[in-house]
PDB file of N, CA and C in Angstrom:
ATOM      1  N   ASP A   1      -0.317   1.634 -14.928  1.00  0.00           N
ATOM      2  CA  ASP A   1      -0.225   2.557 -16.035  1.00  0.00           C
ATOM      3  C   ASP A   1       1.244   2.877 -16.344  1.00  0.00           C
ATOM      4  N   ALA A   2       1.476   3.611 -17.397  1.00  0.00           N
ATOM      5  CA  ALA A   2       2.843   3.882 -17.863  1.00  0.00           C
ATOM      6  C   ALA A   2       3.664   4.647 -16.830  1.00  0.00           C
ATOM      7  N   ASP A   3       3.046   5.612 -16.160  1.00  0.00           N
ATOM      8  CA  ASP A   3       3.783   6.383 -15.157  1.00  0.00           C
ATOM      9  C   ASP A   3       4.228   5.504 -13.995  1.00  0.00           C
ATOM     10  N   ASP A   4       3.344   4.630 -13.557  1.00  0.00           N
ATOM     11  CA  ASP A   4       3.672   3.724 -12.453  1.00  0.00           C
ATOM     12  C   ASP A   4       4.799   2.768 -12.862  1.00  0.00           C
ATOM     13  N   LEU A   5       4.718   2.206 -14.053  1.00  0.00           N
ATOM     14  CA  LEU A   5       5.761   1.299 -14.518  1.00  0.00           C
ATOM     15  C   LEU A   5       7.106   2.018 -14.630  1.00  0.00           C
ATOM     16  N   ALA A   6       7.103   3.218 -15.156  1.00  0.00           N
ATOM     17  CA  ALA A   6       8.346   3.979 -15.286  1.00  0.00           C
ATOM     18  C   ALA A   6       8.952   4.249 -13.909  1.00  0.00           C
ATOM     19  N   GLU A   7       8.128   4.578 -12.950  1.00  0.00           N
ATOM     20  CA  GLU A   7       8.618   4.840 -11.593  1.00  0.00           C
ATOM     21  C   GLU A   7       9.158   3.575 -10.936  1.00  0.00           C
ATOM     22  N   ARG A   8       8.443   2.465 -11.094  1.00  0.00           N
ATOM     23  CA  ARG A   8       8.928   1.194 -10.521  1.00  0.00           C
ATOM     24  C   ARG A   8      10.226   0.757 -11.188  1.00  0.00           C
ATOM     25  N   PHE A   9      10.320   0.923 -12.492  1.00  0.00           N
ATOM     26  CA  PHE A   9      11.548   0.580 -13.218  1.00  0.00           C
ATOM     27  C   PHE A   9      12.711   1.433 -12.707  1.00  0.00           C
ATOM     28  N   ARG A  10      12.487   2.745 -12.556  1.00  0.00           N
ATOM     29  CA  ARG A  10      13.517   3.645 -12.047  1.00  0.00           C
ATOM     30  C   ARG A  10      13.954   3.233 -10.643  1.00  0.00           C
ATOM     31  N   ALA A  11      12.993   2.950  -9.764  1.00  0.00           N
ATOM     32  CA  ALA A  11      13.300   2.578  -8.383  1.00  0.00           C
ATOM     33  C   ALA A  11      14.107   1.282  -8.324  1.00  0.00           C
ATOM     34  N   GLN A  12      13.737   0.303  -9.140  1.00  0.00           N
ATOM     35  CA  GLN A  12      14.479  -0.958  -9.144  1.00  0.00           C
ATOM     36  C   GLN A  12      15.892  -0.765  -9.678  1.00  0.00           C
ATOM     37  N   CYS A  13      16.037  -0.004 -10.733  1.00  0.00           N
ATOM     38  CA  CYS A  13      17.363   0.270 -11.287  1.00  0.00           C
ATOM     39  C   CYS A  13      18.241   0.974 -10.261  1.00  0.00           C
ATOM     40  N   GLU A  14      17.697   1.986  -9.613  1.00  0.00           N
ATOM     41  CA  GLU A  14      18.472   2.725  -8.613  1.00  0.00           C
ATOM     42  C   GLU A  14      18.840   1.839  -7.427  1.00  0.00           C
ATOM     43  N   ALA A  15      17.929   0.965  -7.006  1.00  0.00           N
ATOM     44  CA  ALA A  15      18.226   0.063  -5.899  1.00  0.00           C
ATOM     45  C   ALA A  15      19.377  -0.869  -6.262  1.00  0.00           C
ATOM     46  N   LEU A  16      19.340  -1.419  -7.458  1.00  0.00           N
ATOM     47  CA  LEU A  16      20.427  -2.295  -7.894  1.00  0.00           C
ATOM     48  C   LEU A  16      21.747  -1.547  -7.998  1.00  0.00           C
ATOM     49  N   GLU A  17      21.689  -0.341  -8.528  1.00  0.00           N
ATOM     50  CA  GLU A  17      22.906   0.462  -8.694  1.00  0.00           C
ATOM     51  C   GLU A  17      23.494   0.897  -7.358  1.00  0.00           C
ATOM     52  N   SER A  18      22.690   0.907  -6.297  1.00  0.00           N
ATOM     53  CA  SER A  18      23.176   1.376  -5.000  1.00  0.00           C
ATOM     54  C   SER A  18      23.943   0.308  -4.222  1.00  0.00           C
ATOM     55  N   VAL A  19      23.909  -0.940  -4.669  1.00  0.00           N
ATOM     56  CA  VAL A  19      24.598  -2.032  -3.973  1.00  0.00           C
ATOM     57  C   VAL A  19      26.008  -2.156  -4.547  1.00  0.00           C
ATOM     58  N   PRO A  20      27.024  -1.831  -3.746  1.00  0.00           N
ATOM     59  CA  PRO A  20      28.401  -1.824  -4.267  1.00  0.00           C
ATOM     60  C   PRO A  20      28.859  -3.163  -4.848  1.00  0.00           C
ATOM     61  N   ASP A  21      28.376  -4.267  -4.288  1.00  0.00           N
ATOM     62  CA  ASP A  21      28.825  -5.578  -4.752  1.00  0.00           C
ATOM     63  C   ASP A  21      28.165  -6.051  -6.038  1.00  0.00           C
ATOM     64  N   VAL A  22      27.134  -5.371  -6.479  1.00  0.00           N
ATOM     65  CA  VAL A  22      26.465  -5.758  -7.721  1.00  0.00           C
ATOM     66  C   VAL A  22      27.337  -5.299  -8.893  1.00  0.00           C
ATOM     67  N   GLN A  23      27.734  -6.243  -9.712  1.00  0.00           N
ATOM     68  CA  GLN A  23      28.595  -5.948 -10.853  1.00  0.00           C
ATOM     69  C   GLN A  23      27.819  -5.789 -12.146  1.00  0.00           C
ATOM     70  N   GLY A  24      26.582  -6.219 -12.153  1.00  0.00           N
ATOM     71  CA  GLY A  24      25.755  -6.115 -13.343  1.00  0.00           C
ATOM     72  C   GLY A  24      24.381  -6.692 -13.059  1.00  0.00           C
ATOM     73  N   TRP A  25      23.459  -6.406 -13.937  1.00  0.00           N
ATOM     74  CA  TRP A  25      22.106  -6.923 -13.785  1.00  0.00           C
ATOM     75  C   TRP A  25      21.429  -6.930 -15.148  1.00  0.00           C
ATOM     76  N   CYS A  26      20.356  -7.687 -15.245  1.00  0.00           N
ATOM     77  CA  CYS A  26      19.583  -7.689 -16.489  1.00  0.00           C
ATOM     78  C   CYS A  26      18.108  -7.846 -16.151  1.00  0.00           C
ATOM     79  N   TRP A  27      17.283  -7.350 -17.016  1.00  0.00           N
ATOM     80  CA  TRP A  27      15.835  -7.499 -16.873  1.00  0.00           C
ATOM     81  C   TRP A  27      15.495  -8.808 -17.561  1.00  0.00           C
ATOM     82  N   THR A  28      15.054  -9.814 -16.821  1.00  0.00           N
ATOM     83  CA  THR A  28      14.905 -11.152 -17.382  1.00  0.00           C
ATOM     84  C   THR A  28      13.586 -11.399 -18.094  1.00  0.00           C
ATOM     85  N   GLU A  29      12.633 -10.527 -17.905  1.00  0.00           N
ATOM     86  CA  GLU A  29      11.351 -10.727 -18.564  1.00  0.00           C
ATOM     87  C   GLU A  29      11.042  -9.502 -19.419  1.00  0.00           C
ATOM     88  N   LEU A  30      11.533  -9.523 -20.639  1.00  0.00           N
ATOM     89  CA  LEU A  30      11.336  -8.383 -21.521  1.00  0.00           C
ATOM     90  C   LEU A  30       9.869  -8.199 -21.881  1.00  0.00           C
ATOM     91  N   ALA A  31       9.186  -9.308 -22.180  1.00  0.00           N
ATOM     92  CA  ALA A  31       7.778  -9.220 -22.598  1.00  0.00           C
ATOM     93  C   ALA A  31       6.905 -10.102 -21.709  1.00  0.00           C
ATOM     94  N   ASP A  32       5.666  -9.687 -21.536  1.00  0.00           N
ATOM     95  CA  ASP A  32       4.695 -10.480 -20.795  1.00  0.00           C
ATOM     96  C   ASP A  32       4.433 -11.796 -21.529  1.00  0.00           C
ATOM     97  N   VAL A  33       4.227 -12.841 -20.760  1.00  0.00           N
ATOM     98  CA  VAL A  33       3.842 -14.150 -21.311  1.00  0.00           C
ATOM     99  C   VAL A  33       2.838 -14.790 -20.360  1.00  0.00           C
ATOM    100  N   GLN A  34       1.761 -15.297 -20.904  1.00  0.00           N
ATOM    101  CA  GLN A  34       0.700 -15.969 -20.149  1.00  0.00           C
ATOM    102  C   GLN A  34       0.447 -15.290 -18.806  1.00  0.00           C
ATOM    103  N   GLN A  35       0.762 -15.948 -17.688  1.00  0.00           N
ATOM    104  CA  GLN A  35       0.463 -15.389 -16.374  1.00  0.00           C
ATOM    105  C   GLN A  35       1.540 -14.421 -15.866  1.00  0.00           C
ATOM    106  N   GLU A  36       2.647 -14.303 -16.548  1.00  0.00           N
ATOM    107  CA  GLU A  36       3.720 -13.400 -16.134  1.00  0.00           C
ATOM    108  C   GLU A  36       3.516 -12.037 -16.793  1.00  0.00           C
ATOM    109  N   VAL A  37       3.403 -11.005 -15.982  1.00  0.00           N
ATOM    110  CA  VAL A  37       3.127  -9.674 -16.529  1.00  0.00           C
ATOM    111  C   VAL A  37       4.128  -8.631 -16.020  1.00  0.00           C
ATOM    112  N   ASN A  38       5.369  -9.050 -15.823  1.00  0.00           N
ATOM    113  CA  ASN A  38       6.402  -8.142 -15.336  1.00  0.00           C
ATOM    114  C   ASN A  38       7.269  -7.589 -16.457  1.00  0.00           C
ATOM    115  N   GLY A  39       6.883  -7.820 -17.684  1.00  0.00           N
ATOM    116  CA  GLY A  39       7.682  -7.373 -18.811  1.00  0.00           C
ATOM    117  C   GLY A  39       7.590  -5.882 -19.062  1.00  0.00           C
ATOM    118  N   LEU A  40       8.540  -5.399 -19.821  1.00  0.00           N
ATOM    119  CA  LEU A  40       8.510  -4.011 -20.273  1.00  0.00           C
ATOM    120  C   LEU A  40       7.694  -3.882 -21.549  1.00  0.00           C
ATOM    121  N   LEU A  41       7.398  -5.034 -22.169  1.00  0.00           N
ATOM    122  CA  LEU A  41       6.557  -5.092 -23.366  1.00  0.00           C
ATOM    123  C   LEU A  41       5.326  -5.939 -23.062  1.00  0.00           C
ATOM    124  N   ARG A  42       4.243  -5.658 -23.754  1.00  0.00           N
ATOM    125  CA  ARG A  42       3.054  -6.513 -23.659  1.00  0.00           C
ATOM    126  C   ARG A  42       3.325  -7.817 -24.416  1.00  0.00           C
ATOM    127  N   ALA A  43       2.436  -8.774 -24.285  1.00  0.00           N
ATOM    128  CA  ALA A  43       2.620 -10.062 -24.961  1.00  0.00           C
ATOM    129  C   ALA A  43       2.728  -9.906 -26.472  1.00  0.00           C
ATOM    130  N   ASP A  44       2.078  -8.887 -27.030  1.00  0.00           N
ATOM    131  CA  ASP A  44       2.170  -8.660 -28.481  1.00  0.00           C
ATOM    132  C   ASP A  44       3.421  -7.856 -28.861  1.00  0.00           C
ATOM    133  N   ARG A  45       4.297  -7.638 -27.883  1.00  0.00           N
ATOM    134  CA  ARG A  45       5.605  -6.965 -28.051  1.00  0.00           C
ATOM    135  C   ARG A  45       5.508  -5.452 -28.237  1.00  0.00           C
ATOM    136  N   THR A  46       4.378  -4.856 -27.925  1.00  0.00           N
ATOM    137  CA  THR A  46       4.296  -3.399 -27.947  1.00  0.00           C
ATOM    138  C   THR A  46       4.767  -2.879 -26.591  1.00  0.00           C
ATOM    139  N   PRO A  47       5.503  -1.782 -26.563  1.00  0.00           N
ATOM    140  CA  PRO A  47       6.024  -1.249 -25.303  1.00  0.00           C
ATOM    141  C   PRO A  47       4.904  -0.805 -24.364  1.00  0.00           C
ATOM    142  N   LYS A  48       5.074  -1.098 -23.090  1.00  0.00           N
ATOM    143  CA  LYS A  48       4.113  -0.641 -22.086  1.00  0.00           C
ATOM    144  C   LYS A  48       4.298   0.843 -21.804  1.00  0.00           C
ATOM    145  N   ILE A  49       5.513   1.311 -21.970  1.00  0.00           N
ATOM    146  CA  ILE A  49       5.784   2.742 -21.854  1.00  0.00           C
ATOM    147  C   ILE A  49       6.681   3.123 -23.024  1.00  0.00           C
ATOM    148  N   PRO A  50       6.649   4.358 -23.442  1.00  0.00           N
ATOM    149  CA  PRO A  50       7.479   4.759 -24.581  1.00  0.00           C
ATOM    150  C   PRO A  50       8.965   4.443 -24.335  1.00  0.00           C
ATOM    151  N   VAL A  51       9.600   3.929 -25.348  1.00  0.00           N
ATOM    152  CA  VAL A  51      11.005   3.537 -25.246  1.00  0.00           C
ATOM    153  C   VAL A  51      11.878   4.720 -24.840  1.00  0.00           C
ATOM    154  N   ASP A  52      11.543   5.923 -25.290  1.00  0.00           N
ATOM    155  CA  ASP A  52      12.355   7.079 -24.912  1.00  0.00           C
ATOM    156  C   ASP A  52      12.257   7.364 -23.413  1.00  0.00           C
ATOM    157  N   ARG A  53      11.156   7.002 -22.783  1.00  0.00           N
ATOM    158  CA  ARG A  53      11.057   7.159 -21.322  1.00  0.00           C
ATOM    159  C   ARG A  53      11.934   6.143 -20.607  1.00  0.00           C
ATOM    160  N   LEU A  54      11.987   4.912 -21.120  1.00  0.00           N
ATOM    161  CA  LEU A  54      12.893   3.919 -20.540  1.00  0.00           C
ATOM    162  C   LEU A  54      14.340   4.385 -20.678  1.00  0.00           C
ATOM    163  N   ARG A  55      14.671   4.886 -21.851  1.00  0.00           N
ATOM    164  CA  ARG A  55      16.026   5.389 -22.099  1.00  0.00           C
ATOM    165  C   ARG A  55      16.365   6.528 -21.148  1.00  0.00           C
ATOM    166  N   ALA A  56      15.406   7.395 -20.880  1.00  0.00           N
ATOM    167  CA  ALA A  56      15.631   8.515 -19.958  1.00  0.00           C
ATOM    168  C   ALA A  56      15.952   8.005 -18.557  1.00  0.00           C
ATOM    169  N   VAL A  57      15.250   6.958 -18.121  1.00  0.00           N
ATOM    170  CA  VAL A  57      15.546   6.362 -16.810  1.00  0.00           C
ATOM    171  C   VAL A  57      16.949   5.777 -16.818  1.00  0.00           C
ATOM    172  N   ILE A  58      17.270   5.008 -17.834  1.00  0.00           N
ATOM    173  CA  ILE A  58      18.582   4.363 -17.909  1.00  0.00           C
ATOM    174  C   ILE A  58      19.697   5.397 -17.963  1.00  0.00           C
ATOM    175  N   ASP A  59      19.464   6.491 -18.659  1.00  0.00           N
ATOM    176  CA  ASP A  59      20.494   7.528 -18.774  1.00  0.00           C
ATOM    177  C   ASP A  59      20.781   8.230 -17.454  1.00  0.00           C
ATOM    178  N   THR A  60      19.910   8.089 -16.463  1.00  0.00           N
ATOM    179  CA  THR A  60      20.169   8.707 -15.159  1.00  0.00           C
ATOM    180  C   THR A  60      21.016   7.832 -14.251  1.00  0.00           C
ATOM    181  N   LEU A  61      21.227   6.573 -14.626  1.00  0.00           N
ATOM    182  CA  LEU A  61      21.996   5.660 -13.774  1.00  0.00           C
ATOM    183  C   LEU A  61      23.487   5.965 -13.851  1.00  0.00           C
ATOM    184  N   PRO A  62      24.193   5.764 -12.743  1.00  0.00           N
ATOM    185  CA  PRO A  62      25.626   6.090 -12.718  1.00  0.00           C
ATOM    186  C   PRO A  62      26.432   5.403 -13.813  1.00  0.00           C
ATOM    187  N   TRP A  63      26.205   4.116 -14.062  1.00  0.00           N
ATOM    188  CA  TRP A  63      27.014   3.418 -15.062  1.00  0.00           C
ATOM    189  C   TRP A  63      26.752   3.915 -16.467  1.00  0.00           C
ATOM    190  N   SER A  64      25.595   4.514 -16.699  1.00  0.00           N
ATOM    191  CA  SER A  64      25.304   5.002 -18.049  1.00  0.00           C
ATOM    192  C   SER A  64      26.098   6.260 -18.364  1.00  0.00           C
ATOM    193  N   ARG A  65      26.612   6.925 -17.325  1.00  0.00           N
ATOM    194  CA  ARG A  65      27.397   8.135 -17.537  1.00  0.00           C
ATOM    195  C   ARG A  65      28.886   7.822 -17.668  1.00  0.00           C
ATOM    196  N   THR A  66      29.244   6.552 -17.539  1.00  0.00           N
ATOM    197  CA  THR A  66      30.629   6.137 -17.661  1.00  0.00           C
ATOM    198  C   THR A  66      31.006   6.062 -19.139  1.00  0.00           C
ATOM    199  N   ASP A  67      32.230   6.423 -19.431  1.00  0.00           N
ATOM    200  CA  ASP A  67      32.742   6.328 -20.793  1.00  0.00           C
ATOM    201  C   ASP A  67      32.603   4.875 -21.273  1.00  0.00           C
ATOM    202  N   PRO A  68      31.992   4.637 -22.439  1.00  0.00           N
ATOM    203  CA  PRO A  68      31.801   3.261 -22.924  1.00  0.00           C
ATOM    204  C   PRO A  68      33.085   2.455 -22.982  1.00  0.00           C
ATOM    205  N   SER A  69      34.194   3.079 -23.310  1.00  0.00           N
ATOM    206  CA  SER A  69      35.454   2.316 -23.372  1.00  0.00           C
ATOM    207  C   SER A  69      35.877   1.879 -21.980  1.00  0.00           C
ATOM    208  N   ALA A  70      35.554   2.669 -20.956  1.00  0.00           N
ATOM    209  CA  ALA A  70      35.861   2.259 -19.579  1.00  0.00           C
ATOM    210  C   ALA A  70      34.999   1.082 -19.162  1.00  0.00           C
ATOM    211  N   ARG A  71      33.721   1.082 -19.571  1.00  0.00           N
ATOM    212  CA  ARG A  71      32.833  -0.040 -19.230  1.00  0.00           C
ATOM    213  C   ARG A  71      33.334  -1.312 -19.878  1.00  0.00           C
ATOM    214  N   ALA A  72      33.881  -1.218 -21.060  1.00  0.00           N
ATOM    215  CA  ALA A  72      34.353  -2.419 -21.756  1.00  0.00           C
ATOM    216  C   ALA A  72      35.508  -3.065 -21.016  1.00  0.00           C
ATOM    217  N   ASN A  73      36.236  -2.300 -20.211  1.00  0.00           N
ATOM    218  CA  ASN A  73      37.393  -2.825 -19.493  1.00  0.00           C
ATOM    219  C   ASN A  73      37.068  -3.314 -18.083  1.00  0.00           C
ATOM    220  N   LEU A  74      35.795  -3.240 -17.689  1.00  0.00           N
ATOM    221  CA  LEU A  74      35.429  -3.742 -16.369  1.00  0.00           C
ATOM    222  C   LEU A  74      35.611  -5.243 -16.336  1.00  0.00           C
ATOM    223  N   ARG A  75      36.094  -5.736 -15.236  1.00  0.00           N
ATOM    224  CA  ARG A  75      36.293  -7.185 -15.159  1.00  0.00           C
ATOM    225  C   ARG A  75      34.972  -7.894 -14.923  1.00  0.00           C
ATOM    226  N   PRO A  76      34.866  -9.122 -15.407  1.00  0.00           N
ATOM    227  CA  PRO A  76      33.606  -9.872 -15.266  1.00  0.00           C
ATOM    228  C   PRO A  76      33.316 -10.245 -13.826  1.00  0.00           C
TER     229      PRO A  76
END
């Protein structure tokens, strides 16, 4: 359900953010396809959870609180 997905998304984001050597990450499966159901969207591209809830999770991450101009200067 939506609450479970939001919690799992938050936990995964926080786990990635807690590793000092991780310089970046991306969610590679935006939408579900055939047998893959790890997307944030259903196969018909409707959100599994409200987009504002995803944004709320992302806004709690440390890098999201960094000044955007500072993020632009991070080395690759």
